[in-house]
């Protein structure tokens, strides 16, 4: 029995299949459903869990080479929220792009982890190192 780290077997399985330069999406509750992409839905109620909580848990054992986010994230959120995300993604390149361009990357992801986050445009694509 696992005693620490990622305890969810579906998230563990998904993470185990990510290889060099593969990507993984951590999505907010309103992110579109992609039937062709494996989705692990962790959403429980509004804001449980949040994208940042999932990111913190994953980063402990996940080598991130780059992050991708919608540039609308910075426009629709407070400086405090933007700072929290910047701090969580520290030391890794972050590429901000229009949301429509961001969504074009999704079909190439290994999978999606859906959260209950209500933060606007809080979706992340993690590209492995």
C-alpha atoms as a PDB file:
ATOM      1  CA  UNK A   1       0.000   0.000   0.000  1.00  0.00           C
ATOM      2  CA  UNK A   2       1.290   3.471  -0.909  1.00  0.00           C
ATOM      3  CA  UNK A   3       1.965   5.609   2.141  1.00  0.00           C
ATOM      4  CA  UNK A   4       3.026   8.871   0.514  1.00  0.00           C
ATOM      5  CA  UNK A   5       3.204  10.695  -2.792  1.00  0.00           C
ATOM      6  CA  UNK A   6       0.375  10.448  -5.302  1.00  0.00           C
ATOM      7  CA  UNK A   7      -2.127   8.012  -3.819  1.00  0.00           C
ATOM      8  CA  UNK A   8      -4.702   8.133  -6.615  1.00  0.00           C
ATOM      9  CA  UNK A   9      -4.048   5.052  -8.798  1.00  0.00           C
ATOM     10  CA  UNK A  10      -5.433   6.690 -11.951  1.00  0.00           C
ATOM     11  CA  UNK A  11      -3.176   9.731 -11.590  1.00  0.00           C
ATOM     12  CA  UNK A  12      -0.214   7.433 -10.840  1.00  0.00           C
ATOM     13  CA  UNK A  13      -0.918   5.413 -13.965  1.00  0.00           C
ATOM     14  CA  UNK A  14      -1.215   8.528 -16.103  1.00  0.00           C
ATOM     15  CA  UNK A  15       2.017  10.034 -14.756  1.00  0.00           C
ATOM     16  CA  UNK A  16       3.860   6.754 -15.306  1.00  0.00           C
ATOM     17  CA  UNK A  17       3.159   6.950 -19.034  1.00  0.00           C
ATOM     18  CA  UNK A  18       4.538  10.454 -19.562  1.00  0.00           C
ATOM     19  CA  UNK A  19       7.918  10.389 -21.304  1.00  0.00           C
ATOM     20  CA  UNK A  20      10.439  12.995 -22.468  1.00  0.00           C
ATOM     21  CA  UNK A  21       8.675  16.007 -24.094  1.00  0.00           C
ATOM     22  CA  UNK A  22       5.208  14.475 -23.589  1.00  0.00           C
ATOM     23  CA  UNK A  23       2.603  16.748 -22.101  1.00  0.00           C
ATOM     24  CA  UNK A  24      -0.030  16.559 -19.415  1.00  0.00           C
ATOM     25  CA  UNK A  25      -2.941  18.944 -18.852  1.00  0.00           C
ATOM     26  CA  UNK A  26      -4.139  20.080 -15.433  1.00  0.00           C
ATOM     27  CA  UNK A  27      -7.538  21.623 -16.081  1.00  0.00           C
ATOM     28  CA  UNK A  28     -10.077  23.706 -14.242  1.00  0.00           C
ATOM     29  CA  UNK A  29     -13.668  22.542 -13.811  1.00  0.00           C
ATOM     30  CA  UNK A  30     -14.935  24.267 -16.969  1.00  0.00           C
ATOM     31  CA  UNK A  31     -12.321  22.894 -19.366  1.00  0.00           C
ATOM     32  CA  UNK A  32     -13.889  21.213 -22.410  1.00  0.00           C
ATOM     33  CA  UNK A  33     -14.201  17.425 -22.432  1.00  0.00           C
ATOM     34  CA  UNK A  34     -11.964  15.666 -24.955  1.00  0.00           C
ATOM     35  CA  UNK A  35     -13.359  12.134 -25.459  1.00  0.00           C
ATOM     36  CA  UNK A  36     -10.209  10.921 -27.203  1.00  0.00           C
ATOM     37  CA  UNK A  37      -7.931  11.872 -24.289  1.00  0.00           C
ATOM     38  CA  UNK A  38      -7.800   9.982 -21.028  1.00  0.00           C
ATOM     39  CA  UNK A  39      -9.205  12.195 -18.292  1.00  0.00           C
ATOM     40  CA  UNK A  40      -8.784  11.647 -14.575  1.00  0.00           C
ATOM     41  CA  UNK A  41     -11.503  13.689 -12.900  1.00  0.00           C
ATOM     42  CA  UNK A  42     -10.566  14.753  -9.384  1.00  0.00           C
ATOM     43  CA  UNK A  43     -13.240  17.449  -9.077  1.00  0.00           C
ATOM     44  CA  UNK A  44     -15.329  17.197  -5.944  1.00  0.00           C
ATOM     45  CA  UNK A  45     -16.973  20.595  -5.433  1.00  0.00           C
ATOM     46  CA  UNK A  46     -16.061  24.139  -6.459  1.00  0.00           C
ATOM     47  CA  UNK A  47     -12.348  24.713  -5.866  1.00  0.00           C
ATOM     48  CA  UNK A  48     -11.639  21.250  -4.462  1.00  0.00           C
ATOM     49  CA  UNK A  49      -9.061  20.434  -5.516  1.00  0.00           C
ATOM     50  CA  UNK A  50      -7.449  23.452  -7.160  1.00  0.00           C
ATOM     51  CA  UNK A  51      -5.047  23.369 -10.100  1.00  0.00           C
ATOM     52  CA  UNK A  52      -2.202  24.604  -7.893  1.00  0.00           C
ATOM     53  CA  UNK A  53      -2.755  21.835  -5.346  1.00  0.00           C
ATOM     54  CA  UNK A  54      -2.521  19.211  -8.062  1.00  0.00           C
ATOM     55  CA  UNK A  55       0.528  20.935  -9.546  1.00  0.00           C
ATOM     56  CA  UNK A  56       2.314  20.990  -6.173  1.00  0.00           C
ATOM     57  CA  UNK A  57       1.631  17.283  -5.691  1.00  0.00           C
ATOM     58  CA  UNK A  58       2.828  16.345  -9.173  1.00  0.00           C
ATOM     59  CA  UNK A  59       5.952  18.536  -9.293  1.00  0.00           C
ATOM     60  CA  UNK A  60       7.576  16.561  -6.488  1.00  0.00           C
ATOM     61  CA  UNK A  61       8.284  13.713  -8.928  1.00  0.00           C
ATOM     62  CA  UNK A  62       7.657  15.211 -12.368  1.00  0.00           C
ATOM     63  CA  UNK A  63      10.414  16.906 -14.373  1.00  0.00           C
ATOM     64  CA  UNK A  64       8.739  19.861 -16.080  1.00  0.00           C
ATOM     65  CA  UNK A  65      10.573  21.398 -19.041  1.00  0.00           C
ATOM     66  CA  UNK A  66       7.959  24.031 -19.944  1.00  0.00           C
ATOM     67  CA  UNK A  67       4.521  25.209 -18.925  1.00  0.00           C
ATOM     68  CA  UNK A  68       1.876  26.506 -21.291  1.00  0.00           C
ATOM     69  CA  UNK A  69      -0.966  28.772 -20.196  1.00  0.00           C
ATOM     70  CA  UNK A  70      -3.540  30.963 -21.892  1.00  0.00           C
ATOM     71  CA  UNK A  71      -2.519  34.614 -21.905  1.00  0.00           C
ATOM     72  CA  UNK A  72      -6.104  35.376 -20.871  1.00  0.00           C
ATOM     73  CA  UNK A  73      -5.182  33.968 -17.442  1.00  0.00           C
ATOM     74  CA  UNK A  74      -3.153  37.097 -16.677  1.00  0.00           C
ATOM     75  CA  UNK A  75      -5.922  39.386 -17.955  1.00  0.00           C
ATOM     76  CA  UNK A  76      -8.816  37.845 -16.002  1.00  0.00           C
ATOM     77  CA  UNK A  77      -7.210  37.224 -12.609  1.00  0.00           C
ATOM     78  CA  UNK A  78      -5.815  39.357  -9.810  1.00  0.00           C
ATOM     79  CA  UNK A  79      -2.101  39.978  -9.465  1.00  0.00           C
ATOM     80  CA  UNK A  80      -2.206  37.826  -6.322  1.00  0.00           C
ATOM     81  CA  UNK A  81      -3.520  34.798  -8.215  1.00  0.00           C
ATOM     82  CA  UNK A  82      -1.051  35.342 -11.057  1.00  0.00           C
ATOM     83  CA  UNK A  83       1.767  35.558  -8.485  1.00  0.00           C
ATOM     84  CA  UNK A  84       0.709  32.268  -6.836  1.00  0.00           C
ATOM     85  CA  UNK A  85       0.915  30.488 -10.199  1.00  0.00           C
ATOM     86  CA  UNK A  86       4.231  32.148 -11.088  1.00  0.00           C
ATOM     87  CA  UNK A  87       5.680  31.038  -7.760  1.00  0.00           C
ATOM     88  CA  UNK A  88       4.484  27.451  -8.298  1.00  0.00           C
ATOM     89  CA  UNK A  89       6.046  27.385 -11.779  1.00  0.00           C
ATOM     90  CA  UNK A  90       9.304  29.025 -10.688  1.00  0.00           C
ATOM     91  CA  UNK A  91      12.507  28.138 -12.518  1.00  0.00           C
ATOM     92  CA  UNK A  92      10.614  26.703 -15.509  1.00  0.00           C
ATOM     93  CA  UNK A  93       9.851  28.506 -18.765  1.00  0.00           C
ATOM     94  CA  UNK A  94       6.203  29.574 -19.052  1.00  0.00           C
ATOM     95  CA  UNK A  95       4.736  30.168 -22.496  1.00  0.00           C
ATOM     96  CA  UNK A  96       1.610  32.334 -22.523  1.00  0.00           C
ATOM     97  CA  UNK A  97      -0.440  32.089 -25.707  1.00  0.00           C
ATOM     98  CA  UNK A  98      -4.006  32.859 -26.815  1.00  0.00           C
ATOM     99  CA  UNK A  99      -6.504  30.378 -25.346  1.00  0.00           C
ATOM    100  CA  UNK A 100      -7.434  29.136 -28.811  1.00  0.00           C
ATOM    101  CA  UNK A 101      -3.777  28.287 -29.500  1.00  0.00           C
ATOM    102  CA  UNK A 102      -3.445  26.697 -26.055  1.00  0.00           C
ATOM    103  CA  UNK A 103      -6.362  24.354 -26.808  1.00  0.00           C
ATOM    104  CA  UNK A 104      -4.665  23.202 -30.040  1.00  0.00           C
ATOM    105  CA  UNK A 105      -1.951  21.589 -27.886  1.00  0.00           C
ATOM    106  CA  UNK A 106      -4.426  19.508 -25.879  1.00  0.00           C
ATOM    107  CA  UNK A 107      -4.932  16.651 -28.408  1.00  0.00           C
ATOM    108  CA  UNK A 108      -1.228  15.835 -28.125  1.00  0.00           C
ATOM    109  CA  UNK A 109      -1.351  15.399 -24.346  1.00  0.00           C
ATOM    110  CA  UNK A 110      -0.989  12.009 -22.676  1.00  0.00           C
ATOM    111  CA  UNK A 111      -3.945  12.898 -20.479  1.00  0.00           C
ATOM    112  CA  UNK A 112      -5.947  15.471 -18.574  1.00  0.00           C
ATOM    113  CA  UNK A 113      -6.360  15.830 -14.833  1.00  0.00           C
ATOM    114  CA  UNK A 114      -9.571  17.760 -14.170  1.00  0.00           C
ATOM    115  CA  UNK A 115      -9.908  19.721 -10.945  1.00  0.00           C
ATOM    116  CA  UNK A 116     -12.719  21.664  -9.316  1.00  0.00           C
ATOM    117  CA  UNK A 117     -10.857  24.961  -9.753  1.00  0.00           C
ATOM    118  CA  UNK A 118     -13.025  27.979 -10.595  1.00  0.00           C
ATOM    119  CA  UNK A 119     -10.094  30.310 -11.352  1.00  0.00           C
ATOM    120  CA  UNK A 120     -10.537  31.670 -14.869  1.00  0.00           C
ATOM    121  CA  UNK A 121      -8.150  30.181 -17.438  1.00  0.00           C
ATOM    122  CA  UNK A 122      -6.229  28.301 -14.733  1.00  0.00           C
ATOM    123  CA  UNK A 123      -5.461  25.437 -17.095  1.00  0.00           C
ATOM    124  CA  UNK A 124      -1.842  24.304 -17.421  1.00  0.00           C
ATOM    125  CA  UNK A 125      -0.052  22.139 -19.910  1.00  0.00           C
ATOM    126  CA  UNK A 126       3.073  20.604 -18.437  1.00  0.00           C
ATOM    127  CA  UNK A 127       5.656  19.503 -20.976  1.00  0.00           C
ATOM    128  CA  UNK A 128       8.043  16.987 -19.473  1.00  0.00           C
ATOM    129  CA  UNK A 129      11.766  17.655 -19.531  1.00  0.00           C
END
